[in-house]
């Protein structure tokens, strides 16, 4: 079956599965096999792990490695609650490095370590540059494994941070296996809810660029400092960058 030109044109602007066509009541074989491959890649991404030596080398500085209470990837996937709790030994180690009033930058594997491995170095560098220019005191970068978003609350609390900025791998989709999200929480502590965070998502080459994501994060942190809160209390009113260049 021939794909109409309208769908062919739309595919130039998206990786979404549009205009797949059909054979009888089913998809064409090529579209079905492509879906199966994408699904397998997404499953592999969920089970991926960070290359810690390579990541810490490119992050530079005195990187602090921590882990959640999930002993392995299987426990992490089956027990989300364990991924939100910091290992007791690592909590004590962070408390010894406390920097009251700092901003804690956390790089976490989340649900797509391969995306973090690819995006986090450039993203962390852009964030550090912008936040330092805004006068923030930055704690040494923290790399967290088997981590959920809420793990940042315990990390920030242990460091005495004014705010935590967590870069974490987002759940992989059938067309995006390298997406990273940033979660910002003011006055982090255990028990914070998702309503008390701001999220910047879809950070990847085919989505939101690293520099734009860092700009948004810096604006939100500056606004959080004035307001004393993040989440539903803080609306992102930062200037928008056009999605497409003007002609």
C-alpha atoms as a PDB file:
ATOM      1  CA  UNK A   1       0.000   0.000   0.000  1.00  0.00           C
ATOM      2  CA  UNK A   2       1.364   3.431  -0.946  1.00  0.00           C
ATOM      3  CA  UNK A   3       1.765   5.933   1.925  1.00  0.00           C
ATOM      4  CA  UNK A   4      -0.023   9.241   1.133  1.00  0.00           C
ATOM      5  CA  UNK A   5       2.323  12.180   0.645  1.00  0.00           C
ATOM      6  CA  UNK A   6       0.730  13.983   3.624  1.00  0.00           C
ATOM      7  CA  UNK A   7       2.075  11.329   6.017  1.00  0.00           C
ATOM      8  CA  UNK A   8       5.465  11.198   4.297  1.00  0.00           C
ATOM      9  CA  UNK A   9       5.808  14.958   4.769  1.00  0.00           C
ATOM     10  CA  UNK A  10       4.809  14.747   8.440  1.00  0.00           C
ATOM     11  CA  UNK A  11       7.510  12.156   9.116  1.00  0.00           C
ATOM     12  CA  UNK A  12      10.143  14.787   8.344  1.00  0.00           C
ATOM     13  CA  UNK A  13       9.195  16.531  11.623  1.00  0.00           C
ATOM     14  CA  UNK A  14       8.636  13.633  14.034  1.00  0.00           C
ATOM     15  CA  UNK A  15       9.940  10.199  14.969  1.00  0.00           C
ATOM     16  CA  UNK A  16       6.424   9.189  16.070  1.00  0.00           C
ATOM     17  CA  UNK A  17       4.813   6.295  14.225  1.00  0.00           C
ATOM     18  CA  UNK A  18       2.386   8.006  11.873  1.00  0.00           C
ATOM     19  CA  UNK A  19       0.878   6.844   8.619  1.00  0.00           C
ATOM     20  CA  UNK A  20       2.059   3.240   8.978  1.00  0.00           C
ATOM     21  CA  UNK A  21      -0.418   1.947   6.446  1.00  0.00           C
ATOM     22  CA  UNK A  22      -2.195  -1.387   6.614  1.00  0.00           C
ATOM     23  CA  UNK A  23      -2.506  -4.718   4.868  1.00  0.00           C
ATOM     24  CA  UNK A  24      -6.057  -5.938   5.279  1.00  0.00           C
ATOM     25  CA  UNK A  25      -6.804  -5.448   8.974  1.00  0.00           C
ATOM     26  CA  UNK A  26      -3.163  -5.541  10.084  1.00  0.00           C
ATOM     27  CA  UNK A  27      -0.034  -3.429   9.904  1.00  0.00           C
ATOM     28  CA  UNK A  28       2.479  -4.016   7.126  1.00  0.00           C
ATOM     29  CA  UNK A  29       5.198  -6.484   8.084  1.00  0.00           C
ATOM     30  CA  UNK A  30       7.944  -3.822   8.042  1.00  0.00           C
ATOM     31  CA  UNK A  31       6.029  -1.599  10.481  1.00  0.00           C
ATOM     32  CA  UNK A  32       5.353  -4.536  12.795  1.00  0.00           C
ATOM     33  CA  UNK A  33       8.999  -5.623  12.840  1.00  0.00           C
ATOM     34  CA  UNK A  34      10.120  -2.033  13.442  1.00  0.00           C
ATOM     35  CA  UNK A  35       7.783  -1.842  16.445  1.00  0.00           C
ATOM     36  CA  UNK A  36       9.140  -5.105  17.850  1.00  0.00           C
ATOM     37  CA  UNK A  37      12.715  -3.873  17.529  1.00  0.00           C
ATOM     38  CA  UNK A  38      11.916  -0.530  19.179  1.00  0.00           C
ATOM     39  CA  UNK A  39      10.166  -2.306  22.042  1.00  0.00           C
ATOM     40  CA  UNK A  40      13.189  -4.551  22.598  1.00  0.00           C
ATOM     41  CA  UNK A  41      15.524  -1.546  22.615  1.00  0.00           C
ATOM     42  CA  UNK A  42      13.306   0.199  25.179  1.00  0.00           C
ATOM     43  CA  UNK A  43      13.375  -2.870  27.444  1.00  0.00           C
ATOM     44  CA  UNK A  44      17.164  -3.034  27.157  1.00  0.00           C
ATOM     45  CA  UNK A  45      17.421   0.669  28.053  1.00  0.00           C
ATOM     46  CA  UNK A  46      15.431   0.111  31.265  1.00  0.00           C
ATOM     47  CA  UNK A  47      17.925  -2.579  32.316  1.00  0.00           C
ATOM     48  CA  UNK A  48      21.006  -0.554  31.332  1.00  0.00           C
ATOM     49  CA  UNK A  49      23.643   0.503  33.872  1.00  0.00           C
ATOM     50  CA  UNK A  50      25.936   3.502  34.186  1.00  0.00           C
ATOM     51  CA  UNK A  51      29.599   3.178  33.278  1.00  0.00           C
ATOM     52  CA  UNK A  52      30.698   4.784  36.531  1.00  0.00           C
ATOM     53  CA  UNK A  53      34.438   5.194  35.788  1.00  0.00           C
ATOM     54  CA  UNK A  54      33.721   6.841  32.432  1.00  0.00           C
ATOM     55  CA  UNK A  55      31.000   9.081  33.843  1.00  0.00           C
ATOM     56  CA  UNK A  56      32.969  10.265  36.864  1.00  0.00           C
ATOM     57  CA  UNK A  57      35.971  10.955  34.640  1.00  0.00           C
ATOM     58  CA  UNK A  58      34.061  13.324  32.354  1.00  0.00           C
ATOM     59  CA  UNK A  59      32.164  15.016  35.201  1.00  0.00           C
ATOM     60  CA  UNK A  60      35.459  16.049  36.763  1.00  0.00           C
ATOM     61  CA  UNK A  61      36.059  17.329  40.266  1.00  0.00           C
ATOM     62  CA  UNK A  62      35.456  15.290  43.390  1.00  0.00           C
ATOM     63  CA  UNK A  63      32.460  13.210  42.366  1.00  0.00           C
ATOM     64  CA  UNK A  64      30.572  11.515  45.199  1.00  0.00           C
ATOM     65  CA  UNK A  65      29.038   8.129  44.321  1.00  0.00           C
ATOM     66  CA  UNK A  66      25.948   7.019  46.253  1.00  0.00           C
ATOM     67  CA  UNK A  67      23.354   4.293  45.887  1.00  0.00           C
ATOM     68  CA  UNK A  68      19.804   3.663  46.924  1.00  0.00           C
ATOM     69  CA  UNK A  69      18.623   0.786  49.084  1.00  0.00           C
ATOM     70  CA  UNK A  70      17.778  -1.264  45.974  1.00  0.00           C
ATOM     71  CA  UNK A  71      20.497  -3.903  45.858  1.00  0.00           C
ATOM     72  CA  UNK A  72      20.292  -4.530  42.130  1.00  0.00           C
ATOM     73  CA  UNK A  73      18.316  -3.608  39.019  1.00  0.00           C
ATOM     74  CA  UNK A  74      15.653  -6.238  39.622  1.00  0.00           C
ATOM     75  CA  UNK A  75      14.963  -4.926  43.119  1.00  0.00           C
ATOM     76  CA  UNK A  76      14.946  -1.379  41.733  1.00  0.00           C
ATOM     77  CA  UNK A  77      12.262  -2.210  39.170  1.00  0.00           C
ATOM     78  CA  UNK A  78      10.109  -4.309  41.508  1.00  0.00           C
ATOM     79  CA  UNK A  79      10.436  -2.057  44.590  1.00  0.00           C
ATOM     80  CA  UNK A  80      10.252   1.620  43.598  1.00  0.00           C
ATOM     81  CA  UNK A  81      10.192   2.546  47.288  1.00  0.00           C
ATOM     82  CA  UNK A  82      13.744   1.242  47.758  1.00  0.00           C
ATOM     83  CA  UNK A  83      14.968   3.486  44.946  1.00  0.00           C
ATOM     84  CA  UNK A  84      13.721   6.506  46.901  1.00  0.00           C
ATOM     85  CA  UNK A  85      15.784   5.721  50.011  1.00  0.00           C
ATOM     86  CA  UNK A  86      19.478   6.446  50.402  1.00  0.00           C
ATOM     87  CA  UNK A  87      21.811   3.725  51.615  1.00  0.00           C
ATOM     88  CA  UNK A  88      22.653   4.420  55.268  1.00  0.00           C
ATOM     89  CA  UNK A  89      26.420   4.405  54.706  1.00  0.00           C
ATOM     90  CA  UNK A  90      26.127   6.898  51.858  1.00  0.00           C
ATOM     91  CA  UNK A  91      23.885   9.177  53.927  1.00  0.00           C
ATOM     92  CA  UNK A  92      26.575   9.372  56.597  1.00  0.00           C
ATOM     93  CA  UNK A  93      29.276  10.010  53.980  1.00  0.00           C
ATOM     94  CA  UNK A  94      27.277  12.884  52.478  1.00  0.00           C
ATOM     95  CA  UNK A  95      26.581  14.399  55.890  1.00  0.00           C
ATOM     96  CA  UNK A  96      30.350  14.574  56.447  1.00  0.00           C
ATOM     97  CA  UNK A  97      30.583  16.726  53.270  1.00  0.00           C
ATOM     98  CA  UNK A  98      27.648  19.008  54.168  1.00  0.00           C
ATOM     99  CA  UNK A  99      27.678  22.510  52.674  1.00  0.00           C
ATOM    100  CA  UNK A 100      24.694  24.378  54.150  1.00  0.00           C
ATOM    101  CA  UNK A 101      22.918  26.579  51.614  1.00  0.00           C
ATOM    102  CA  UNK A 102      24.519  24.940  48.562  1.00  0.00           C
ATOM    103  CA  UNK A 103      22.889  23.604  45.425  1.00  0.00           C
ATOM    104  CA  UNK A 104      23.274  19.841  45.106  1.00  0.00           C
ATOM    105  CA  UNK A 105      23.706  18.597  41.532  1.00  0.00           C
ATOM    106  CA  UNK A 106      22.769  14.925  41.237  1.00  0.00           C
ATOM    107  CA  UNK A 107      23.250  12.680  38.207  1.00  0.00           C
ATOM    108  CA  UNK A 108      21.064   9.581  38.530  1.00  0.00           C
ATOM    109  CA  UNK A 109      20.556   6.525  36.333  1.00  0.00           C
ATOM    110  CA  UNK A 110      16.762   6.417  36.710  1.00  0.00           C
ATOM    111  CA  UNK A 111      14.946   4.334  34.124  1.00  0.00           C
ATOM    112  CA  UNK A 112      17.414   4.917  31.272  1.00  0.00           C
ATOM    113  CA  UNK A 113      21.080   4.863  32.226  1.00  0.00           C
ATOM    114  CA  UNK A 114      22.177   4.946  28.581  1.00  0.00           C
ATOM    115  CA  UNK A 115      20.480   8.311  28.111  1.00  0.00           C
ATOM    116  CA  UNK A 116      22.155   9.678  31.236  1.00  0.00           C
ATOM    117  CA  UNK A 117      25.539   8.415  30.090  1.00  0.00           C
ATOM    118  CA  UNK A 118      25.117  10.288  26.815  1.00  0.00           C
ATOM    119  CA  UNK A 119      23.501  13.533  28.006  1.00  0.00           C
ATOM    120  CA  UNK A 120      24.600  14.153  31.604  1.00  0.00           C
ATOM    121  CA  UNK A 121      28.197  15.367  31.082  1.00  0.00           C
ATOM    122  CA  UNK A 122      27.237  18.250  28.790  1.00  0.00           C
ATOM    123  CA  UNK A 123      24.104  19.010  30.804  1.00  0.00           C
ATOM    124  CA  UNK A 124      25.966  19.065  34.126  1.00  0.00           C
ATOM    125  CA  UNK A 125      28.645  21.336  32.663  1.00  0.00           C
ATOM    126  CA  UNK A 126      26.036  23.786  31.335  1.00  0.00           C
ATOM    127  CA  UNK A 127      24.217  23.828  34.668  1.00  0.00           C
ATOM    128  CA  UNK A 128      27.377  24.384  36.686  1.00  0.00           C
ATOM    129  CA  UNK A 129      28.414  27.275  34.467  1.00  0.00           C
ATOM    130  CA  UNK A 130      25.048  29.047  34.689  1.00  0.00           C
ATOM    131  CA  UNK A 131      24.507  28.455  38.409  1.00  0.00           C
ATOM    132  CA  UNK A 132      28.004  29.573  39.325  1.00  0.00           C
ATOM    133  CA  UNK A 133      27.433  32.761  37.314  1.00  0.00           C
ATOM    134  CA  UNK A 134      24.249  33.342  39.338  1.00  0.00           C
ATOM    135  CA  UNK A 135      26.224  33.167  42.582  1.00  0.00           C
ATOM    136  CA  UNK A 136      25.158  29.729  43.768  1.00  0.00           C
ATOM    137  CA  UNK A 137      27.582  27.657  45.844  1.00  0.00           C
ATOM    138  CA  UNK A 138      27.713  24.194  44.284  1.00  0.00           C
ATOM    139  CA  UNK A 139      28.355  20.995  46.188  1.00  0.00           C
ATOM    140  CA  UNK A 140      30.569  18.354  44.534  1.00  0.00           C
ATOM    141  CA  UNK A 141      28.520  16.472  41.912  1.00  0.00           C
ATOM    142  CA  UNK A 142      26.763  13.356  43.176  1.00  0.00           C
ATOM    143  CA  UNK A 143      26.238  10.277  40.991  1.00  0.00           C
ATOM    144  CA  UNK A 144      23.410   8.051  42.228  1.00  0.00           C
ATOM    145  CA  UNK A 145      22.651   4.521  41.070  1.00  0.00           C
ATOM    146  CA  UNK A 146      19.382   2.549  41.277  1.00  0.00           C
ATOM    147  CA  UNK A 147      17.843   5.960  41.921  1.00  0.00           C
ATOM    148  CA  UNK A 148      14.308   7.327  41.788  1.00  0.00           C
ATOM    149  CA  UNK A 149      13.558  11.051  41.755  1.00  0.00           C
ATOM    150  CA  UNK A 150      12.816  11.256  45.483  1.00  0.00           C
ATOM    151  CA  UNK A 151      16.318  10.014  46.311  1.00  0.00           C
ATOM    152  CA  UNK A 152      17.407  13.587  45.635  1.00  0.00           C
ATOM    153  CA  UNK A 153      15.475  14.701  48.719  1.00  0.00           C
ATOM    154  CA  UNK A 154      17.655  12.619  51.034  1.00  0.00           C
ATOM    155  CA  UNK A 155      20.825  13.597  49.190  1.00  0.00           C
ATOM    156  CA  UNK A 156      19.981  17.296  49.437  1.00  0.00           C
ATOM    157  CA  UNK A 157      19.013  17.009  53.103  1.00  0.00           C
ATOM    158  CA  UNK A 158      22.250  15.200  53.974  1.00  0.00           C
ATOM    159  CA  UNK A 159      24.277  17.940  52.257  1.00  0.00           C
ATOM    160  CA  UNK A 160      22.269  20.722  53.884  1.00  0.00           C
ATOM    161  CA  UNK A 161      21.386  22.003  50.417  1.00  0.00           C
ATOM    162  CA  UNK A 162      19.064  24.916  49.754  1.00  0.00           C
ATOM    163  CA  UNK A 163      17.969  23.130  46.583  1.00  0.00           C
ATOM    164  CA  UNK A 164      18.641  19.919  44.703  1.00  0.00           C
ATOM    165  CA  UNK A 165      18.865  19.652  40.916  1.00  0.00           C
ATOM    166  CA  UNK A 166      18.480  16.049  39.840  1.00  0.00           C
ATOM    167  CA  UNK A 167      19.319  14.923  36.300  1.00  0.00           C
ATOM    168  CA  UNK A 168      17.760  11.501  35.807  1.00  0.00           C
ATOM    169  CA  UNK A 169      17.065   9.092  32.972  1.00  0.00           C
ATOM    170  CA  UNK A 170      13.447   9.188  31.846  1.00  0.00           C
ATOM    171  CA  UNK A 171      11.352   6.149  31.020  1.00  0.00           C
ATOM    172  CA  UNK A 172      12.362   5.127  27.468  1.00  0.00           C
ATOM    173  CA  UNK A 173       9.742   5.185  24.751  1.00  0.00           C
ATOM    174  CA  UNK A 174       9.522   3.510  21.373  1.00  0.00           C
ATOM    175  CA  UNK A 175      11.192   6.475  19.664  1.00  0.00           C
ATOM    176  CA  UNK A 176      13.237   8.049  22.484  1.00  0.00           C
ATOM    177  CA  UNK A 177      15.907   6.041  24.294  1.00  0.00           C
ATOM    178  CA  UNK A 178      18.161   8.902  25.411  1.00  0.00           C
ATOM    179  CA  UNK A 179      15.896  11.323  27.264  1.00  0.00           C
ATOM    180  CA  UNK A 180      16.911  12.984  30.540  1.00  0.00           C
ATOM    181  CA  UNK A 181      14.745  14.980  32.925  1.00  0.00           C
ATOM    182  CA  UNK A 182      15.708  17.639  35.477  1.00  0.00           C
ATOM    183  CA  UNK A 183      13.823  17.756  38.784  1.00  0.00           C
ATOM    184  CA  UNK A 184      14.275  20.816  41.012  1.00  0.00           C
ATOM    185  CA  UNK A 185      13.274  20.758  44.679  1.00  0.00           C
ATOM    186  CA  UNK A 186      13.639  23.674  47.079  1.00  0.00           C
ATOM    187  CA  UNK A 187      14.576  22.824  50.710  1.00  0.00           C
ATOM    188  CA  UNK A 188      14.884  19.094  49.939  1.00  0.00           C
ATOM    189  CA  UNK A 189      14.049  16.648  52.705  1.00  0.00           C
ATOM    190  CA  UNK A 190      12.478  13.185  52.963  1.00  0.00           C
ATOM    191  CA  UNK A 191       8.734  13.354  52.519  1.00  0.00           C
ATOM    192  CA  UNK A 192       8.665  15.950  49.746  1.00  0.00           C
ATOM    193  CA  UNK A 193       6.060  15.138  47.090  1.00  0.00           C
ATOM    194  CA  UNK A 194       6.113  15.503  43.326  1.00  0.00           C
ATOM    195  CA  UNK A 195       3.810  18.521  43.735  1.00  0.00           C
ATOM    196  CA  UNK A 196       6.753  20.279  45.408  1.00  0.00           C
ATOM    197  CA  UNK A 197       9.103  19.876  42.431  1.00  0.00           C
ATOM    198  CA  UNK A 198       9.523  21.447  39.021  1.00  0.00           C
ATOM    199  CA  UNK A 199      10.372  19.215  36.090  1.00  0.00           C
ATOM    200  CA  UNK A 200      12.122  19.941  32.801  1.00  0.00           C
ATOM    201  CA  UNK A 201      11.725  16.889  30.570  1.00  0.00           C
ATOM    202  CA  UNK A 202      12.652  15.497  27.155  1.00  0.00           C
ATOM    203  CA  UNK A 203      16.240  16.763  27.247  1.00  0.00           C
ATOM    204  CA  UNK A 204      17.916  15.082  24.278  1.00  0.00           C
ATOM    205  CA  UNK A 205      19.275  15.972  20.835  1.00  0.00           C
ATOM    206  CA  UNK A 206      15.856  15.497  19.195  1.00  0.00           C
ATOM    207  CA  UNK A 207      14.029  17.288  22.023  1.00  0.00           C
ATOM    208  CA  UNK A 208      14.983  20.126  24.386  1.00  0.00           C
ATOM    209  CA  UNK A 209      18.609  21.164  23.952  1.00  0.00           C
ATOM    210  CA  UNK A 210      21.142  21.116  26.783  1.00  0.00           C
ATOM    211  CA  UNK A 211      21.690  24.880  26.834  1.00  0.00           C
ATOM    212  CA  UNK A 212      17.967  25.645  26.812  1.00  0.00           C
ATOM    213  CA  UNK A 213      17.369  23.142  29.624  1.00  0.00           C
ATOM    214  CA  UNK A 214      20.161  24.708  31.696  1.00  0.00           C
ATOM    215  CA  UNK A 215      18.711  28.171  31.070  1.00  0.00           C
ATOM    216  CA  UNK A 216      15.275  27.070  32.267  1.00  0.00           C
ATOM    217  CA  UNK A 217      16.743  25.379  35.349  1.00  0.00           C
ATOM    218  CA  UNK A 218      18.729  28.500  36.275  1.00  0.00           C
ATOM    219  CA  UNK A 219      15.628  30.688  35.888  1.00  0.00           C
ATOM    220  CA  UNK A 220      13.540  28.338  38.037  1.00  0.00           C
ATOM    221  CA  UNK A 221      16.174  28.211  40.759  1.00  0.00           C
ATOM    222  CA  UNK A 222      16.451  31.991  40.868  1.00  0.00           C
ATOM    223  CA  UNK A 223      12.655  32.235  41.128  1.00  0.00           C
ATOM    224  CA  UNK A 224      12.602  29.511  43.800  1.00  0.00           C
ATOM    225  CA  UNK A 225      15.132  31.466  45.861  1.00  0.00           C
ATOM    226  CA  UNK A 226      12.867  34.539  45.784  1.00  0.00           C
ATOM    227  CA  UNK A 227       9.704  32.543  46.467  1.00  0.00           C
ATOM    228  CA  UNK A 228      11.138  29.992  48.872  1.00  0.00           C
ATOM    229  CA  UNK A 229       9.370  27.138  47.103  1.00  0.00           C
ATOM    230  CA  UNK A 230       9.230  24.964  43.999  1.00  0.00           C
ATOM    231  CA  UNK A 231       6.454  22.829  42.510  1.00  0.00           C
ATOM    232  CA  UNK A 232       2.891  23.994  42.055  1.00  0.00           C
ATOM    233  CA  UNK A 233       3.745  27.238  43.844  1.00  0.00           C
ATOM    234  CA  UNK A 234       6.295  28.140  41.154  1.00  0.00           C
ATOM    235  CA  UNK A 235       5.132  28.708  37.590  1.00  0.00           C
ATOM    236  CA  UNK A 236       7.653  28.596  34.773  1.00  0.00           C
ATOM    237  CA  UNK A 237       7.360  32.060  33.272  1.00  0.00           C
ATOM    238  CA  UNK A 238      10.835  32.124  31.769  1.00  0.00           C
ATOM    239  CA  UNK A 239      11.148  33.603  28.261  1.00  0.00           C
ATOM    240  CA  UNK A 240      10.452  31.010  25.593  1.00  0.00           C
ATOM    241  CA  UNK A 241      12.897  30.209  22.828  1.00  0.00           C
ATOM    242  CA  UNK A 242      11.184  29.632  19.443  1.00  0.00           C
ATOM    243  CA  UNK A 243      10.960  25.945  18.569  1.00  0.00           C
ATOM    244  CA  UNK A 244      11.810  26.720  14.946  1.00  0.00           C
ATOM    245  CA  UNK A 245      14.003  29.536  13.601  1.00  0.00           C
ATOM    246  CA  UNK A 246      12.115  32.393  12.018  1.00  0.00           C
ATOM    247  CA  UNK A 247      12.378  32.641   8.244  1.00  0.00           C
END
